[in-house]
Amino acid sequence: MREAQVEKPGLLKEYLSLPIKGKFLVLARLFRDPRVPLGAKLVLPPTLLYILMPIDIIPDFIPVLGYLDDLLVITLGLGLFLRLCPHELVREHIERYRGG
């Protein structure tokens, strides 16, 4: 248990260091990976659906705050998805993206 806590910050830094295209590719690969638990996979569709829906918690025409709720939902949804994925799989897909 102690190792996972030490490994997680490094893993998050690795993921965040990827270019935007890389981040999306790693997420897509994780989503299609059958080894990822169903609970983790159930987080992404509602997150993406919220972004695509025209109804927002804070309307987008309000300067700055309008897009802040979208950013918050994306950050929380993707963060939760990555936390629920096994760390070995996340690292594996990051390495695969990097070509290692």
PDB file of N, CA and C in Angstrom:
ATOM      1  N   MET A   1       0.833  -1.191   0.000  1.00  0.00           N
ATOM      2  CA  MET A   1       0.000   0.000   0.000  1.00  0.00           C
ATOM      3  C   MET A   1       0.872   1.247   0.000  1.00  0.00           C
ATOM      4  N   ARG A   2       1.958   1.193   0.716  1.00  0.00           N
ATOM      5  CA  ARG A   2       2.855   2.344   0.807  1.00  0.00           C
ATOM      6  C   ARG A   2       3.493   2.642  -0.550  1.00  0.00           C
ATOM      7  N   GLU A   3       3.818   1.602  -1.321  1.00  0.00           N
ATOM      8  CA  GLU A   3       4.432   1.791  -2.635  1.00  0.00           C
ATOM      9  C   GLU A   3       3.507   2.534  -3.586  1.00  0.00           C
ATOM     10  N   ALA A   4       2.218   2.203  -3.579  1.00  0.00           N
ATOM     11  CA  ALA A   4       1.263   2.854  -4.484  1.00  0.00           C
ATOM     12  C   ALA A   4       1.185   4.348  -4.189  1.00  0.00           C
ATOM     13  N   GLN A   5       1.271   4.726  -2.913  1.00  0.00           N
ATOM     14  CA  GLN A   5       1.206   6.137  -2.568  1.00  0.00           C
ATOM     15  C   GLN A   5       2.453   6.868  -3.047  1.00  0.00           C
ATOM     16  N   VAL A   6       3.585   6.223  -3.011  1.00  0.00           N
ATOM     17  CA  VAL A   6       4.824   6.832  -3.477  1.00  0.00           C
ATOM     18  C   VAL A   6       4.834   6.905  -4.995  1.00  0.00           C
ATOM     19  N   GLU A   7       4.300   5.869  -5.649  1.00  0.00           N
ATOM     20  CA  GLU A   7       4.341   5.777  -7.104  1.00  0.00           C
ATOM     21  C   GLU A   7       3.370   6.744  -7.775  1.00  0.00           C
ATOM     22  N   LYS A   8       2.228   7.022  -7.146  1.00  0.00           N
ATOM     23  CA  LYS A   8       1.176   7.813  -7.778  1.00  0.00           C
ATOM     24  C   LYS A   8       1.613   9.218  -8.209  1.00  0.00           C
ATOM     25  N   PRO A   9       2.292  10.016  -7.358  1.00  0.00           N
ATOM     26  CA  PRO A   9       2.686  11.352  -7.817  1.00  0.00           C
ATOM     27  C   PRO A   9       3.585  11.301  -9.038  1.00  0.00           C
ATOM     28  N   GLY A  10       4.500  10.338  -9.105  1.00  0.00           N
ATOM     29  CA  GLY A  10       5.356  10.192 -10.270  1.00  0.00           C
ATOM     30  C   GLY A  10       4.548   9.850 -11.499  1.00  0.00           C
ATOM     31  N   LEU A  11       3.556   9.020 -11.330  1.00  0.00           N
ATOM     32  CA  LEU A  11       2.707   8.611 -12.441  1.00  0.00           C
ATOM     33  C   LEU A  11       1.887   9.788 -12.948  1.00  0.00           C
ATOM     34  N   LEU A  12       1.352  10.586 -12.052  1.00  0.00           N
ATOM     35  CA  LEU A  12       0.580  11.757 -12.453  1.00  0.00           C
ATOM     36  C   LEU A  12       1.473  12.763 -13.185  1.00  0.00           C
ATOM     37  N   LYS A  13       2.696  12.952 -12.689  1.00  0.00           N
ATOM     38  CA  LYS A  13       3.632  13.850 -13.368  1.00  0.00           C
ATOM     39  C   LYS A  13       3.945  13.333 -14.765  1.00  0.00           C
ATOM     40  N   GLU A  14       4.124  12.025 -14.885  1.00  0.00           N
ATOM     41  CA  GLU A  14       4.391  11.433 -16.199  1.00  0.00           C
ATOM     42  C   GLU A  14       3.237  11.702 -17.147  1.00  0.00           C
ATOM     43  N   TYR A  15       2.011  11.498 -16.657  1.00  0.00           N
ATOM     44  CA  TYR A  15       0.834  11.706 -17.503  1.00  0.00           C
ATOM     45  C   TYR A  15       0.714  13.183 -17.897  1.00  0.00           C
ATOM     46  N   LEU A  16       0.899  14.066 -16.942  1.00  0.00           N
ATOM     47  CA  LEU A  16       0.756  15.491 -17.220  1.00  0.00           C
ATOM     48  C   LEU A  16       1.859  16.021 -18.132  1.00  0.00           C
ATOM     49  N   SER A  17       2.985  15.338 -18.183  1.00  0.00           N
ATOM     50  CA  SER A  17       4.079  15.785 -19.045  1.00  0.00           C
ATOM     51  C   SER A  17       3.849  15.423 -20.517  1.00  0.00           C
ATOM     52  N   LEU A  18       2.858  14.586 -20.776  1.00  0.00           N
ATOM     53  CA  LEU A  18       2.556  14.218 -22.158  1.00  0.00           C
ATOM     54  C   LEU A  18       1.938  15.411 -22.893  1.00  0.00           C
ATOM     55  N   PRO A  19       2.138  15.483 -24.213  1.00  0.00           N
ATOM     56  CA  PRO A  19       1.429  16.511 -24.977  1.00  0.00           C
ATOM     57  C   PRO A  19      -0.071  16.216 -24.970  1.00  0.00           C
ATOM     58  N   ILE A  20      -0.878  17.184 -25.326  1.00  0.00           N
ATOM     59  CA  ILE A  20      -2.338  17.021 -25.273  1.00  0.00           C
ATOM     60  C   ILE A  20      -2.786  15.808 -26.087  1.00  0.00           C
ATOM     61  N   LYS A  21      -2.234  15.654 -27.277  1.00  0.00           N
ATOM     62  CA  LYS A  21      -2.592  14.498 -28.115  1.00  0.00           C
ATOM     63  C   LYS A  21      -2.253  13.197 -27.389  1.00  0.00           C
ATOM     64  N   GLY A  22      -1.116  13.162 -26.725  1.00  0.00           N
ATOM     65  CA  GLY A  22      -0.707  11.979 -25.980  1.00  0.00           C
ATOM     66  C   GLY A  22      -1.641  11.661 -24.830  1.00  0.00           C
ATOM     67  N   LYS A  23      -2.090  12.707 -24.144  1.00  0.00           N
ATOM     68  CA  LYS A  23      -3.023  12.506 -23.035  1.00  0.00           C
ATOM     69  C   LYS A  23      -4.312  11.863 -23.525  1.00  0.00           C
ATOM     70  N   PHE A  24      -4.836  12.371 -24.642  1.00  0.00           N
ATOM     71  CA  PHE A  24      -6.074  11.803 -25.176  1.00  0.00           C
ATOM     72  C   PHE A  24      -5.876  10.377 -25.673  1.00  0.00           C
ATOM     73  N   LEU A  25      -4.737  10.111 -26.307  1.00  0.00           N
ATOM     74  CA  LEU A  25      -4.467   8.754 -26.790  1.00  0.00           C
ATOM     75  C   LEU A  25      -4.336   7.766 -25.634  1.00  0.00           C
ATOM     76  N   VAL A  26      -3.657   8.173 -24.570  1.00  0.00           N
ATOM     77  CA  VAL A  26      -3.520   7.295 -23.406  1.00  0.00           C
ATOM     78  C   VAL A  26      -4.897   7.036 -22.787  1.00  0.00           C
ATOM     79  N   LEU A  27      -5.724   8.068 -22.667  1.00  0.00           N
ATOM     80  CA  LEU A  27      -7.079   7.882 -22.128  1.00  0.00           C
ATOM     81  C   LEU A  27      -7.902   6.950 -23.008  1.00  0.00           C
ATOM     82  N   ALA A  28      -7.811   7.130 -24.326  1.00  0.00           N
ATOM     83  CA  ALA A  28      -8.569   6.273 -25.248  1.00  0.00           C
ATOM     84  C   ALA A  28      -8.101   4.829 -25.156  1.00  0.00           C
ATOM     85  N   ARG A  29      -6.799   4.635 -25.075  1.00  0.00           N
ATOM     86  CA  ARG A  29      -6.271   3.270 -24.966  1.00  0.00           C
ATOM     87  C   ARG A  29      -6.692   2.625 -23.655  1.00  0.00           C
ATOM     88  N   LEU A  30      -6.659   3.396 -22.574  1.00  0.00           N
ATOM     89  CA  LEU A  30      -7.103   2.870 -21.281  1.00  0.00           C
ATOM     90  C   LEU A  30      -8.583   2.514 -21.330  1.00  0.00           C
ATOM     91  N   PHE A  31      -9.374   3.365 -21.961  1.00  0.00           N
ATOM     92  CA  PHE A  31     -10.816   3.110 -22.036  1.00  0.00           C
ATOM     93  C   PHE A  31     -11.113   1.820 -22.796  1.00  0.00           C
ATOM     94  N   ARG A  32     -10.322   1.534 -23.826  1.00  0.00           N
ATOM     95  CA  ARG A  32     -10.550   0.318 -24.625  1.00  0.00           C
ATOM     96  C   ARG A  32      -9.901  -0.923 -24.023  1.00  0.00           C
ATOM     97  N   ASP A  33      -9.026  -0.743 -23.052  1.00  0.00           N
ATOM     98  CA  ASP A  33      -8.310  -1.871 -22.458  1.00  0.00           C
ATOM     99  C   ASP A  33      -9.268  -2.696 -21.600  1.00  0.00           C
ATOM    100  N   PRO A  34      -9.390  -3.997 -21.884  1.00  0.00           N
ATOM    101  CA  PRO A  34     -10.320  -4.833 -21.102  1.00  0.00           C
ATOM    102  C   PRO A  34      -9.872  -5.052 -19.658  1.00  0.00           C
ATOM    103  N   ARG A  35      -8.630  -4.753 -19.335  1.00  0.00           N
ATOM    104  CA  ARG A  35      -8.131  -4.938 -17.967  1.00  0.00           C
ATOM    105  C   ARG A  35      -8.534  -3.795 -17.033  1.00  0.00           C
ATOM    106  N   VAL A  36      -9.028  -2.691 -17.595  1.00  0.00           N
ATOM    107  CA  VAL A  36      -9.473  -1.560 -16.777  1.00  0.00           C
ATOM    108  C   VAL A  36     -10.853  -1.901 -16.211  1.00  0.00           C
ATOM    109  N   PRO A  37     -11.053  -1.709 -14.909  1.00  0.00           N
ATOM    110  CA  PRO A  37     -12.344  -2.052 -14.295  1.00  0.00           C
ATOM    111  C   PRO A  37     -13.510  -1.251 -14.893  1.00  0.00           C
ATOM    112  N   LEU A  38     -14.663  -1.872 -14.900  1.00  0.00           N
ATOM    113  CA  LEU A  38     -15.863  -1.245 -15.438  1.00  0.00           C
ATOM    114  C   LEU A  38     -16.191   0.049 -14.696  1.00  0.00           C
ATOM    115  N   GLY A  39     -15.986   0.073 -13.395  1.00  0.00           N
ATOM    116  CA  GLY A  39     -16.258   1.279 -12.611  1.00  0.00           C
ATOM    117  C   GLY A  39     -15.493   2.489 -13.113  1.00  0.00           C
ATOM    118  N   ALA A  40     -14.254   2.259 -13.506  1.00  0.00           N
ATOM    119  CA  ALA A  40     -13.449   3.363 -14.047  1.00  0.00           C
ATOM    120  C   ALA A  40     -13.997   3.793 -15.401  1.00  0.00           C
ATOM    121  N   LYS A  41     -14.384   2.841 -16.208  1.00  0.00           N
ATOM    122  CA  LYS A  41     -14.883   3.154 -17.550  1.00  0.00           C
ATOM    123  C   LYS A  41     -16.214   3.900 -17.508  1.00  0.00           C
ATOM    124  N   LEU A  42     -16.965   3.717 -16.443  1.00  0.00           N
ATOM    125  CA  LEU A  42     -18.262   4.385 -16.322  1.00  0.00           C
ATOM    126  C   LEU A  42     -18.130   5.866 -15.966  1.00  0.00           C
ATOM    127  N   VAL A  43     -16.937   6.319 -15.644  1.00  0.00           N
ATOM    128  CA  VAL A  43     -16.723   7.728 -15.285  1.00  0.00           C
ATOM    129  C   VAL A  43     -16.619   8.613 -16.530  1.00  0.00           C
ATOM    130  N   LEU A  44     -15.990   8.120 -17.586  1.00  0.00           N
ATOM    131  CA  LEU A  44     -15.733   8.956 -18.764  1.00  0.00           C
ATOM    132  C   LEU A  44     -16.979   9.372 -19.553  1.00  0.00           C
ATOM    133  N   PRO A  45     -17.908   8.476 -19.864  1.00  0.00           N
ATOM    134  CA  PRO A  45     -19.063   8.917 -20.666  1.00  0.00           C
ATOM    135  C   PRO A  45     -19.872  10.063 -20.053  1.00  0.00           C
ATOM    136  N   PRO A  46     -20.201  10.028 -18.757  1.00  0.00           N
ATOM    137  CA  PRO A  46     -20.926  11.186 -18.211  1.00  0.00           C
ATOM    138  C   PRO A  46     -20.098  12.477 -18.235  1.00  0.00           C
ATOM    139  N   THR A  47     -18.791  12.341 -18.058  1.00  0.00           N
ATOM    140  CA  THR A  47     -17.926  13.519 -18.118  1.00  0.00           C
ATOM    141  C   THR A  47     -17.983  14.146 -19.502  1.00  0.00           C
ATOM    142  N   LEU A  48     -17.829  13.335 -20.527  1.00  0.00           N
ATOM    143  CA  LEU A  48     -17.871  13.841 -21.894  1.00  0.00           C
ATOM    144  C   LEU A  48     -19.272  14.337 -22.268  1.00  0.00           C
ATOM    145  N   LEU A  49     -20.283  13.660 -21.780  1.00  0.00           N
ATOM    146  CA  LEU A  49     -21.659  14.062 -22.063  1.00  0.00           C
ATOM    147  C   LEU A  49     -21.952  15.444 -21.469  1.00  0.00           C
ATOM    148  N   TYR A  50     -21.447  15.705 -20.272  1.00  0.00           N
ATOM    149  CA  TYR A  50     -21.655  17.010 -19.654  1.00  0.00           C
ATOM    150  C   TYR A  50     -21.046  18.117 -20.508  1.00  0.00           C
ATOM    151  N   ILE A  51     -19.880  17.848 -21.064  1.00  0.00           N
ATOM    152  CA  ILE A  51     -19.200  18.847 -21.885  1.00  0.00           C
ATOM    153  C   ILE A  51     -19.979  19.100 -23.178  1.00  0.00           C
ATOM    154  N   LEU A  52     -20.582  18.066 -23.736  1.00  0.00           N
ATOM    155  CA  LEU A  52     -21.305  18.205 -24.996  1.00  0.00           C
ATOM    156  C   LEU A  52     -22.711  18.765 -24.832  1.00  0.00           C
ATOM    157  N   MET A  53     -23.269  18.661 -23.645  1.00  0.00           N
ATOM    158  CA  MET A  53     -24.635  19.138 -23.402  1.00  0.00           C
ATOM    159  C   MET A  53     -24.675  20.665 -23.405  1.00  0.00           C
ATOM    160  N   PRO A  54     -25.729  21.237 -23.966  1.00  0.00           N
ATOM    161  CA  PRO A  54     -25.841  22.701 -23.972  1.00  0.00           C
ATOM    162  C   PRO A  54     -26.233  23.284 -22.609  1.00  0.00           C
ATOM    163  N   ILE A  55     -26.671  22.437 -21.694  1.00  0.00           N
ATOM    164  CA  ILE A  55     -27.090  22.907 -20.367  1.00  0.00           C
ATOM    165  C   ILE A  55     -25.893  22.828 -19.428  1.00  0.00           C
ATOM    166  N   ASP A  56     -25.563  23.932 -18.769  1.00  0.00           N
ATOM    167  CA  ASP A  56     -24.438  23.999 -17.849  1.00  0.00           C
ATOM    168  C   ASP A  56     -24.904  24.428 -16.472  1.00  0.00           C
ATOM    169  N   ILE A  57     -24.061  24.148 -15.472  1.00  0.00           N
ATOM    170  CA  ILE A  57     -24.335  24.629 -14.119  1.00  0.00           C
ATOM    171  C   ILE A  57     -24.251  26.157 -14.125  1.00  0.00           C
ATOM    172  N   ILE A  58     -23.199  26.673 -14.749  1.00  0.00           N
ATOM    173  CA  ILE A  58     -23.019  28.117 -14.923  1.00  0.00           C
ATOM    174  C   ILE A  58     -23.030  28.380 -16.427  1.00  0.00           C
ATOM    175  N   PRO A  59     -23.938  29.197 -16.937  1.00  0.00           N
ATOM    176  CA  PRO A  59     -24.002  29.440 -18.391  1.00  0.00           C
ATOM    177  C   PRO A  59     -22.676  29.966 -18.948  1.00  0.00           C
ATOM    178  N   ASP A  60     -22.351  29.527 -20.162  1.00  0.00           N
ATOM    179  CA  ASP A  60     -21.070  29.877 -20.773  1.00  0.00           C
ATOM    180  C   ASP A  60     -20.950  31.358 -21.133  1.00  0.00           C
ATOM    181  N   PHE A  61     -22.052  32.069 -21.242  1.00  0.00           N
ATOM    182  CA  PHE A  61     -21.950  33.484 -21.620  1.00  0.00           C
ATOM    183  C   PHE A  61     -21.459  34.365 -20.472  1.00  0.00           C
ATOM    184  N   ILE A  62     -21.382  33.834 -19.255  1.00  0.00           N
ATOM    185  CA  ILE A  62     -20.829  34.587 -18.127  1.00  0.00           C
ATOM    186  C   ILE A  62     -19.304  34.519 -18.246  1.00  0.00           C
ATOM    187  N   PRO A  63     -18.645  35.667 -18.391  1.00  0.00           N
ATOM    188  CA  PRO A  63     -17.186  35.650 -18.598  1.00  0.00           C
ATOM    189  C   PRO A  63     -16.445  34.878 -17.500  1.00  0.00           C
ATOM    190  N   VAL A  64     -15.500  34.111 -17.878  1.00  0.00           N
ATOM    191  CA  VAL A  64     -14.610  33.295 -17.050  1.00  0.00           C
ATOM    192  C   VAL A  64     -15.352  32.194 -16.301  1.00  0.00           C
ATOM    193  N   LEU A  65     -16.332  32.536 -15.496  1.00  0.00           N
ATOM    194  CA  LEU A  65     -17.049  31.533 -14.699  1.00  0.00           C
ATOM    195  C   LEU A  65     -17.804  30.530 -15.565  1.00  0.00           C
ATOM    196  N   GLY A  66     -18.229  30.965 -16.728  1.00  0.00           N
ATOM    197  CA  GLY A  66     -18.988  30.091 -17.614  1.00  0.00           C
ATOM    198  C   GLY A  66     -18.215  28.870 -18.059  1.00  0.00           C
ATOM    199  N   TYR A  67     -16.933  29.035 -18.257  1.00  0.00           N
ATOM    200  CA  TYR A  67     -16.106  27.898 -18.700  1.00  0.00           C
ATOM    201  C   TYR A  67     -15.420  27.213 -17.525  1.00  0.00           C
ATOM    202  N   LEU A  68     -15.447  27.838 -16.370  1.00  0.00           N
ATOM    203  CA  LEU A  68     -14.801  27.262 -15.203  1.00  0.00           C
ATOM    204  C   LEU A  68     -15.475  25.966 -14.767  1.00  0.00           C
ATOM    205  N   ASP A  69     -16.798  25.899 -14.845  1.00  0.00           N
ATOM    206  CA  ASP A  69     -17.487  24.669 -14.460  1.00  0.00           C
ATOM    207  C   ASP A  69     -17.141  23.532 -15.424  1.00  0.00           C
ATOM    208  N   ASP A  70     -17.003  23.845 -16.709  1.00  0.00           N
ATOM    209  CA  ASP A  70     -16.607  22.807 -17.672  1.00  0.00           C
ATOM    210  C   ASP A  70     -15.215  22.286 -17.344  1.00  0.00           C
ATOM    211  N   LEU A  71     -14.306  23.190 -17.063  1.00  0.00           N
ATOM    212  CA  LEU A  71     -12.938  22.806 -16.724  1.00  0.00           C
ATOM    213  C   LEU A  71     -12.912  21.962 -15.453  1.00  0.00           C
ATOM    214  N   LEU A  72     -13.718  22.330 -14.477  1.00  0.00           N
ATOM    215  CA  LEU A  72     -13.785  21.587 -13.226  1.00  0.00           C
ATOM    216  C   LEU A  72     -14.309  20.171 -13.454  1.00  0.00           C
ATOM    217  N   VAL A  73     -15.363  20.029 -14.237  1.00  0.00           N
ATOM    218  CA  VAL A  73     -15.935  18.706 -14.511  1.00  0.00           C
ATOM    219  C   VAL A  73     -14.933  17.837 -15.275  1.00  0.00           C
ATOM    220  N   ILE A  74     -14.255  18.412 -16.253  1.00  0.00           N
ATOM    221  CA  ILE A  74     -13.250  17.648 -17.015  1.00  0.00           C
ATOM    222  C   ILE A  74     -12.124  17.189 -16.093  1.00  0.00           C
ATOM    223  N   THR A  75     -11.614  18.111 -15.291  1.00  0.00           N
ATOM    224  CA  THR A  75     -10.507  17.785 -14.395  1.00  0.00           C
ATOM    225  C   THR A  75     -10.896  16.699 -13.400  1.00  0.00           C
ATOM    226  N   LEU A  76     -12.046  16.842 -12.778  1.00  0.00           N
ATOM    227  CA  LEU A  76     -12.489  15.849 -11.793  1.00  0.00           C
ATOM    228  C   LEU A  76     -12.789  14.499 -12.444  1.00  0.00           C
ATOM    229  N   GLY A  77     -13.451  14.527 -13.595  1.00  0.00           N
ATOM    230  CA  GLY A  77     -13.795  13.281 -14.275  1.00  0.00           C
ATOM    231  C   GLY A  77     -12.571  12.516 -14.750  1.00  0.00           C
ATOM    232  N   LEU A  78     -11.645  13.201 -15.395  1.00  0.00           N
ATOM    233  CA  LEU A  78     -10.444  12.536 -15.885  1.00  0.00           C
ATOM    234  C   LEU A  78      -9.542  12.110 -14.736  1.00  0.00           C
ATOM    235  N   GLY A  79      -9.472  12.935 -13.706  1.00  0.00           N
ATOM    236  CA  GLY A  79      -8.677  12.570 -12.528  1.00  0.00           C
ATOM    237  C   GLY A  79      -9.216  11.337 -11.839  1.00  0.00           C
ATOM    238  N   LEU A  80     -10.532  11.262 -11.709  1.00  0.00           N
ATOM    239  CA  LEU A  80     -11.151  10.091 -11.092  1.00  0.00           C
ATOM    240  C   LEU A  80     -10.925   8.846 -11.945  1.00  0.00           C
ATOM    241  N   PHE A  81     -11.055   8.989 -13.258  1.00  0.00           N
ATOM    242  CA  PHE A  81     -10.811   7.858 -14.160  1.00  0.00           C
ATOM    243  C   PHE A  81      -9.389   7.330 -13.980  1.00  0.00           C
ATOM    244  N   LEU A  82      -8.411   8.227 -13.949  1.00  0.00           N
ATOM    245  CA  LEU A  82      -7.023   7.793 -13.794  1.00  0.00           C
ATOM    246  C   LEU A  82      -6.764   7.170 -12.426  1.00  0.00           C
ATOM    247  N   ARG A  83      -7.410   7.687 -11.398  1.00  0.00           N
ATOM    248  CA  ARG A  83      -7.238   7.108 -10.055  1.00  0.00           C
ATOM    249  C   ARG A  83      -7.828   5.699  -9.978  1.00  0.00           C
ATOM    250  N   LEU A  84      -8.931   5.471 -10.684  1.00  0.00           N
ATOM    251  CA  LEU A  84      -9.585   4.160 -10.626  1.00  0.00           C
ATOM    252  C   LEU A  84      -8.913   3.118 -11.517  1.00  0.00           C
ATOM    253  N   CYS A  85      -8.099   3.573 -12.456  1.00  0.00           N
ATOM    254  CA  CYS A  85      -7.364   2.640 -13.318  1.00  0.00           C
ATOM    255  C   CYS A  85      -6.169   2.082 -12.543  1.00  0.00           C
ATOM    256  N   PRO A  86      -5.861   0.798 -12.744  1.00  0.00           N
ATOM    257  CA  PRO A  86      -4.652   0.254 -12.108  1.00  0.00           C
ATOM    258  C   PRO A  86      -3.415   1.021 -12.584  1.00  0.00           C
ATOM    259  N   HIS A  87      -2.560   1.377 -11.642  1.00  0.00           N
ATOM    260  CA  HIS A  87      -1.401   2.212 -11.944  1.00  0.00           C
ATOM    261  C   HIS A  87      -0.458   1.551 -12.947  1.00  0.00           C
ATOM    262  N   GLU A  88      -0.351   0.216 -12.869  1.00  0.00           N
ATOM    263  CA  GLU A  88       0.533  -0.485 -13.809  1.00  0.00           C
ATOM    264  C   GLU A  88       0.044  -0.293 -15.245  1.00  0.00           C
ATOM    265  N   LEU A  89      -1.273  -0.307 -15.428  1.00  0.00           N
ATOM    266  CA  LEU A  89      -1.832  -0.136 -16.766  1.00  0.00           C
ATOM    267  C   LEU A  89      -1.614   1.280 -17.285  1.00  0.00           C
ATOM    268  N   VAL A  90      -1.785   2.261 -16.416  1.00  0.00           N
ATOM    269  CA  VAL A  90      -1.567   3.647 -16.829  1.00  0.00           C
ATOM    270  C   VAL A  90      -0.116   3.818 -17.258  1.00  0.00           C
ATOM    271  N   ARG A  91       0.805   3.307 -16.448  1.00  0.00           N
ATOM    272  CA  ARG A  91       2.231   3.401 -16.777  1.00  0.00           C
ATOM    273  C   ARG A  91       2.529   2.666 -18.082  1.00  0.00           C
ATOM    274  N   GLU A  92       1.930   1.490 -18.265  1.00  0.00           N
ATOM    275  CA  GLU A  92       2.132   0.708 -19.491  1.00  0.00           C
ATOM    276  C   GLU A  92       1.688   1.489 -20.728  1.00  0.00           C
ATOM    277  N   HIS A  93       0.531   2.120 -20.654  1.00  0.00           N
ATOM    278  CA  HIS A  93       0.024   2.859 -21.807  1.00  0.00           C
ATOM    279  C   HIS A  93       0.821   4.147 -22.057  1.00  0.00           C
ATOM    280  N   ILE A  94       1.324   4.759 -21.009  1.00  0.00           N
ATOM    281  CA  ILE A  94       2.187   5.934 -21.187  1.00  0.00           C
ATOM    282  C   ILE A  94       3.478   5.506 -21.890  1.00  0.00           C
ATOM    283  N   GLU A  95       4.052   4.399 -21.449  1.00  0.00           N
ATOM    284  CA  GLU A  95       5.282   3.901 -22.065  1.00  0.00           C
ATOM    285  C   GLU A  95       5.036   3.495 -23.523  1.00  0.00           C
ATOM    286  N   ARG A  96       3.899   2.881 -23.778  1.00  0.00           N
ATOM    287  CA  ARG A  96       3.556   2.502 -25.153  1.00  0.00           C
ATOM    288  C   ARG A  96       3.433   3.728 -26.045  1.00  0.00           C
ATOM    289  N   TYR A  97       2.840   4.772 -25.506  1.00  0.00           N
ATOM    290  CA  TYR A  97       2.717   6.018 -26.286  1.00  0.00           C
ATOM    291  C   TYR A  97       4.095   6.589 -26.579  1.00  0.00           C
ATOM    292  N   ARG A  98       4.953   6.567 -25.593  1.00  0.00           N
ATOM    293  CA  ARG A  98       6.301   7.120 -25.779  1.00  0.00           C
ATOM    294  C   ARG A  98       7.185   6.225 -26.648  1.00  0.00           C
ATOM    295  N   GLY A  99       6.702   5.028 -26.934  1.00  0.00           N
ATOM    296  CA  GLY A  99       7.463   4.136 -27.809  1.00  0.00           C
ATOM    297  C   GLY A  99       8.419   3.229 -27.066  1.00  0.00           C
ATOM    298  N   GLY A 100       8.245   3.130 -25.746  1.00  0.00           N
ATOM    299  CA  GLY A 100       9.145   2.274 -24.966  1.00  0.00           C
ATOM    300  C   GLY A 100       8.483   1.024 -24.687  1.00  0.00           C
TER     301      GLY A 100
END
